[in-house]
Amino acid sequence: MNRMVIKRTNSDNPDFQILASELEADLKIRDGEDYALYGQLNKISWLSQVIVVYEQNEVAGCGAFRHFDTSTQEIKRMFVRPAFRGQGVATRILKELENWCFELGFRHCILETGKNQPEAIEFYKKNGYVKISNYGQYMDSEYSVCFKKAL
């Protein structure tokens, strides 16, 4: 029987730290020279709302969010290990993050992904996110694609 366990935690969680490192390694390959610019924006030590998903007791994926403004949280560090992709893990992570944001009284989620991650762009569109103008530190980036969703 397939059993997915979803754990709410924070960035001190060792499984999250391992997944975040795997995500960074993947982004370094995808982004090449541009990684130096974005790698510095991917710090995880300040994330207090983190999801780690386990599939049959194996660490499968993660996601997090951080405060953006009074009504909005920013989705961060979405990652699913390759062996678990295509099984709905990312959707479960995203839905859990959105539910947690809503429980805390927030009504919107925003996020940034890169043009070198076409599967992520399609994933967010499929899950109801709408492309918006780049925000914050991504405002002048030609490599960023930003999205927003009402909860």
C-alpha atoms as a PDB file:
ATOM      1  CA  MET A   1       0.000   0.000   0.000  1.00  0.00           C
ATOM      2  CA  ASN A   2       1.319   3.433  -0.981  1.00  0.00           C
ATOM      3  CA  ARG A   3       1.317   5.727   2.026  1.00  0.00           C
ATOM      4  CA  MET A   4       2.243   9.367   1.773  1.00  0.00           C
ATOM      5  CA  VAL A   5       3.055  11.188   5.005  1.00  0.00           C
ATOM      6  CA  ILE A   6       3.105  14.979   5.018  1.00  0.00           C
ATOM      7  CA  LYS A   7       5.079  16.631   7.819  1.00  0.00           C
ATOM      8  CA  ARG A   8       4.871  20.315   8.752  1.00  0.00           C
ATOM      9  CA  THR A   9       8.212  21.464  10.102  1.00  0.00           C
ATOM     10  CA  ASN A  10      10.821  24.206   9.651  1.00  0.00           C
ATOM     11  CA  SER A  11      14.196  24.653   7.976  1.00  0.00           C
ATOM     12  CA  ASP A  12      15.993  22.928  10.864  1.00  0.00           C
ATOM     13  CA  ASN A  13      14.567  19.597   9.660  1.00  0.00           C
ATOM     14  CA  PRO A  14      17.521  17.475   8.430  1.00  0.00           C
ATOM     15  CA  ASP A  15      15.476  15.856   5.634  1.00  0.00           C
ATOM     16  CA  PHE A  16      14.497  19.286   4.349  1.00  0.00           C
ATOM     17  CA  GLN A  17      18.140  20.373   4.412  1.00  0.00           C
ATOM     18  CA  ILE A  18      19.131  17.340   2.324  1.00  0.00           C
ATOM     19  CA  LEU A  19      16.336  18.010  -0.206  1.00  0.00           C
ATOM     20  CA  ALA A  20      17.254  21.705  -0.389  1.00  0.00           C
ATOM     21  CA  SER A  21      20.848  20.691  -1.202  1.00  0.00           C
ATOM     22  CA  GLU A  22      19.625  18.353  -3.944  1.00  0.00           C
ATOM     23  CA  LEU A  23      17.478  21.165  -5.346  1.00  0.00           C
ATOM     24  CA  GLU A  24      20.467  23.508  -5.392  1.00  0.00           C
ATOM     25  CA  ALA A  25      22.573  20.925  -7.237  1.00  0.00           C
ATOM     26  CA  ASP A  26      19.820  20.570  -9.850  1.00  0.00           C
ATOM     27  CA  LEU A  27      19.474  24.341 -10.258  1.00  0.00           C
ATOM     28  CA  LYS A  28      23.231  24.771 -10.599  1.00  0.00           C
ATOM     29  CA  ILE A  29      23.155  22.432 -13.610  1.00  0.00           C
ATOM     30  CA  ARG A  30      20.045  24.006 -15.170  1.00  0.00           C
ATOM     31  CA  ASP A  31      21.061  27.624 -14.621  1.00  0.00           C
ATOM     32  CA  GLY A  32      24.747  27.303 -15.473  1.00  0.00           C
ATOM     33  CA  GLU A  33      26.449  30.705 -15.270  1.00  0.00           C
ATOM     34  CA  ASP A  34      23.280  32.357 -13.977  1.00  0.00           C
ATOM     35  CA  TYR A  35      23.314  30.168 -10.872  1.00  0.00           C
ATOM     36  CA  ALA A  36      25.736  32.519  -9.110  1.00  0.00           C
ATOM     37  CA  LEU A  37      23.081  35.245  -9.252  1.00  0.00           C
ATOM     38  CA  TYR A  38      20.218  33.077  -8.015  1.00  0.00           C
ATOM     39  CA  GLY A  39      22.053  30.787  -5.616  1.00  0.00           C
ATOM     40  CA  GLN A  40      22.449  33.653  -3.163  1.00  0.00           C
ATOM     41  CA  LEU A  41      18.652  34.128  -3.056  1.00  0.00           C
ATOM     42  CA  ASN A  42      18.013  30.522  -2.042  1.00  0.00           C
ATOM     43  CA  LYS A  43      18.955  30.589   1.632  1.00  0.00           C
ATOM     44  CA  ILE A  44      16.814  28.288   3.750  1.00  0.00           C
ATOM     45  CA  SER A  45      17.824  29.035   7.340  1.00  0.00           C
ATOM     46  CA  TRP A  46      14.987  31.531   7.820  1.00  0.00           C
ATOM     47  CA  LEU A  47      12.108  29.327   6.678  1.00  0.00           C
ATOM     48  CA  SER A  48       9.718  28.581   9.550  1.00  0.00           C
ATOM     49  CA  GLN A  49       6.978  26.906   7.474  1.00  0.00           C
ATOM     50  CA  VAL A  50       8.285  23.842   5.657  1.00  0.00           C
ATOM     51  CA  ILE A  51       6.609  20.705   4.305  1.00  0.00           C
ATOM     52  CA  VAL A  52       8.501  17.428   3.925  1.00  0.00           C
ATOM     53  CA  VAL A  53       6.742  14.517   2.232  1.00  0.00           C
ATOM     54  CA  TYR A  54       7.583  10.878   2.806  1.00  0.00           C
ATOM     55  CA  GLU A  55       6.490   8.099   0.468  1.00  0.00           C
ATOM     56  CA  GLN A  56       6.714   4.613   1.994  1.00  0.00           C
ATOM     57  CA  ASN A  57       9.078   6.023   4.660  1.00  0.00           C
ATOM     58  CA  GLU A  58      11.410   7.537   2.062  1.00  0.00           C
ATOM     59  CA  VAL A  59      11.970  11.270   1.797  1.00  0.00           C
ATOM     60  CA  ALA A  60      10.224  12.241  -1.450  1.00  0.00           C
ATOM     61  CA  GLY A  61       9.971  16.027  -1.627  1.00  0.00           C
ATOM     62  CA  CYS A  62       9.591  19.366   0.062  1.00  0.00           C
ATOM     63  CA  GLY A  63       8.276  22.890  -0.160  1.00  0.00           C
ATOM     64  CA  ALA A  64       8.105  25.968   2.043  1.00  0.00           C
ATOM     65  CA  PHE A  65       6.699  29.453   2.258  1.00  0.00           C
ATOM     66  CA  ARG A  66       7.701  32.755   3.746  1.00  0.00           C
ATOM     67  CA  HIS A  67       5.943  36.001   4.573  1.00  0.00           C
ATOM     68  CA  PHE A  68       5.616  38.427   1.671  1.00  0.00           C
ATOM     69  CA  ASP A  69       2.979  40.942   2.834  1.00  0.00           C
ATOM     70  CA  THR A  70      -0.171  41.120   4.976  1.00  0.00           C
ATOM     71  CA  SER A  71      -2.224  38.954   2.599  1.00  0.00           C
ATOM     72  CA  THR A  72       0.428  37.007   0.699  1.00  0.00           C
ATOM     73  CA  GLN A  73       2.966  34.253   1.294  1.00  0.00           C
ATOM     74  CA  GLU A  74       5.754  33.325  -1.113  1.00  0.00           C
ATOM     75  CA  ILE A  75       6.169  29.649  -2.035  1.00  0.00           C
ATOM     76  CA  LYS A  76       9.810  28.575  -1.847  1.00  0.00           C
ATOM     77  CA  ARG A  77      12.005  25.481  -2.261  1.00  0.00           C
ATOM     78  CA  MET A  78       9.558  23.206  -4.104  1.00  0.00           C
ATOM     79  CA  PHE A  79      11.390  19.996  -4.961  1.00  0.00           C
ATOM     80  CA  VAL A  80      10.540  16.350  -5.606  1.00  0.00           C
ATOM     81  CA  ARG A  81      13.242  13.727  -5.966  1.00  0.00           C
ATOM     82  CA  PRO A  82      13.362  12.268  -9.499  1.00  0.00           C
ATOM     83  CA  ALA A  83      12.249   8.781  -8.371  1.00  0.00           C
ATOM     84  CA  PHE A  84       8.989  10.250  -7.026  1.00  0.00           C
ATOM     85  CA  ARG A  85       8.090  12.565  -9.900  1.00  0.00           C
ATOM     86  CA  GLY A  86       4.919  11.975 -11.881  1.00  0.00           C
ATOM     87  CA  GLN A  87       3.131  10.503  -8.863  1.00  0.00           C
ATOM     88  CA  GLY A  88       1.319  13.583  -7.562  1.00  0.00           C
ATOM     89  CA  VAL A  89       3.849  14.376  -4.830  1.00  0.00           C
ATOM     90  CA  ALA A  90       4.444  17.958  -5.979  1.00  0.00           C
ATOM     91  CA  THR A  91       0.705  18.625  -6.147  1.00  0.00           C
ATOM     92  CA  ARG A  92       0.248  17.299  -2.596  1.00  0.00           C
ATOM     93  CA  ILE A  93       3.097  19.508  -1.349  1.00  0.00           C
ATOM     94  CA  LEU A  94       1.717  22.604  -3.066  1.00  0.00           C
ATOM     95  CA  LYS A  95      -1.852  21.986  -1.825  1.00  0.00           C
ATOM     96  CA  GLU A  96      -0.591  21.483   1.741  1.00  0.00           C
ATOM     97  CA  LEU A  97       1.410  24.727   1.559  1.00  0.00           C
ATOM     98  CA  GLU A  98      -1.636  26.587   0.221  1.00  0.00           C
ATOM     99  CA  ASN A  99      -3.867  25.131   2.954  1.00  0.00           C
ATOM    100  CA  TRP A 100      -1.359  26.110   5.643  1.00  0.00           C
ATOM    101  CA  CYS A 101      -1.170  29.664   4.261  1.00  0.00           C
ATOM    102  CA  PHE A 102      -4.959  29.875   4.267  1.00  0.00           C
ATOM    103  CA  GLU A 103      -5.154  28.547   7.853  1.00  0.00           C
ATOM    104  CA  LEU A 104      -2.798  31.364   8.889  1.00  0.00           C
ATOM    105  CA  GLY A 105      -5.144  33.934   7.334  1.00  0.00           C
ATOM    106  CA  PHE A 106      -3.342  34.626   4.069  1.00  0.00           C
ATOM    107  CA  ARG A 107      -5.321  34.834   0.847  1.00  0.00           C
ATOM    108  CA  HIS A 108      -2.671  34.741  -1.904  1.00  0.00           C
ATOM    109  CA  CYS A 109       0.468  32.839  -2.800  1.00  0.00           C
ATOM    110  CA  ILE A 110       3.167  34.111  -5.116  1.00  0.00           C
ATOM    111  CA  LEU A 111       6.276  32.393  -6.367  1.00  0.00           C
ATOM    112  CA  GLU A 112       9.209  32.675  -8.707  1.00  0.00           C
ATOM    113  CA  THR A 113      10.612  29.990 -10.936  1.00  0.00           C
ATOM    114  CA  GLY A 114      13.148  30.108 -13.734  1.00  0.00           C
ATOM    115  CA  LYS A 115      12.796  30.023 -17.492  1.00  0.00           C
ATOM    116  CA  ASN A 116      15.144  27.020 -17.414  1.00  0.00           C
ATOM    117  CA  GLN A 117      12.456  25.041 -15.553  1.00  0.00           C
ATOM    118  CA  PRO A 118       9.679  24.581 -18.134  1.00  0.00           C
ATOM    119  CA  GLU A 119       8.123  21.674 -16.229  1.00  0.00           C
ATOM    120  CA  ALA A 120       7.779  23.896 -13.134  1.00  0.00           C
ATOM    121  CA  ILE A 121       6.142  26.647 -15.194  1.00  0.00           C
ATOM    122  CA  GLU A 122       3.586  24.169 -16.569  1.00  0.00           C
ATOM    123  CA  PHE A 123       3.050  22.651 -13.122  1.00  0.00           C
ATOM    124  CA  TYR A 124       2.151  26.008 -11.577  1.00  0.00           C
ATOM    125  CA  LYS A 125      -0.159  26.916 -14.464  1.00  0.00           C
ATOM    126  CA  LYS A 126      -1.900  23.533 -14.115  1.00  0.00           C
ATOM    127  CA  ASN A 127      -2.408  24.284 -10.410  1.00  0.00           C
ATOM    128  CA  GLY A 128      -4.148  27.613 -10.971  1.00  0.00           C
ATOM    129  CA  TYR A 129      -1.236  30.040 -10.804  1.00  0.00           C
ATOM    130  CA  VAL A 130      -1.353  33.028 -13.126  1.00  0.00           C
ATOM    131  CA  LYS A 131       1.749  34.717 -14.535  1.00  0.00           C
ATOM    132  CA  ILE A 132       2.392  38.142 -12.994  1.00  0.00           C
ATOM    133  CA  SER A 133       5.050  40.814 -13.357  1.00  0.00           C
ATOM    134  CA  ASN A 134       8.295  39.947 -11.656  1.00  0.00           C
ATOM    135  CA  TYR A 135       8.414  41.195  -8.067  1.00  0.00           C
ATOM    136  CA  GLY A 136      10.992  42.051  -5.420  1.00  0.00           C
ATOM    137  CA  GLN A 137      14.506  40.818  -6.078  1.00  0.00           C
ATOM    138  CA  TYR A 138      13.329  39.244  -9.364  1.00  0.00           C
ATOM    139  CA  MET A 139      11.968  42.490 -10.818  1.00  0.00           C
ATOM    140  CA  ASP A 140      14.819  43.069 -13.255  1.00  0.00           C
ATOM    141  CA  SER A 141      15.538  39.421 -14.007  1.00  0.00           C
ATOM    142  CA  GLU A 142      15.055  38.205 -17.548  1.00  0.00           C
ATOM    143  CA  TYR A 143      15.396  34.608 -16.304  1.00  0.00           C
ATOM    144  CA  SER A 144      12.588  34.681 -13.731  1.00  0.00           C
ATOM    145  CA  VAL A 145       8.926  33.844 -14.236  1.00  0.00           C
ATOM    146  CA  CYS A 146       6.590  34.888 -11.406  1.00  0.00           C
ATOM    147  CA  PHE A 147       3.123  33.598 -10.567  1.00  0.00           C
ATOM    148  CA  LYS A 148       0.239  34.341  -8.188  1.00  0.00           C
ATOM    149  CA  LYS A 149      -2.802  32.438  -6.998  1.00  0.00           C
ATOM    150  CA  ALA A 150      -5.793  33.460  -4.887  1.00  0.00           C
ATOM    151  CA  LEU A 151      -6.470  30.903  -2.161  1.00  0.00           C
END
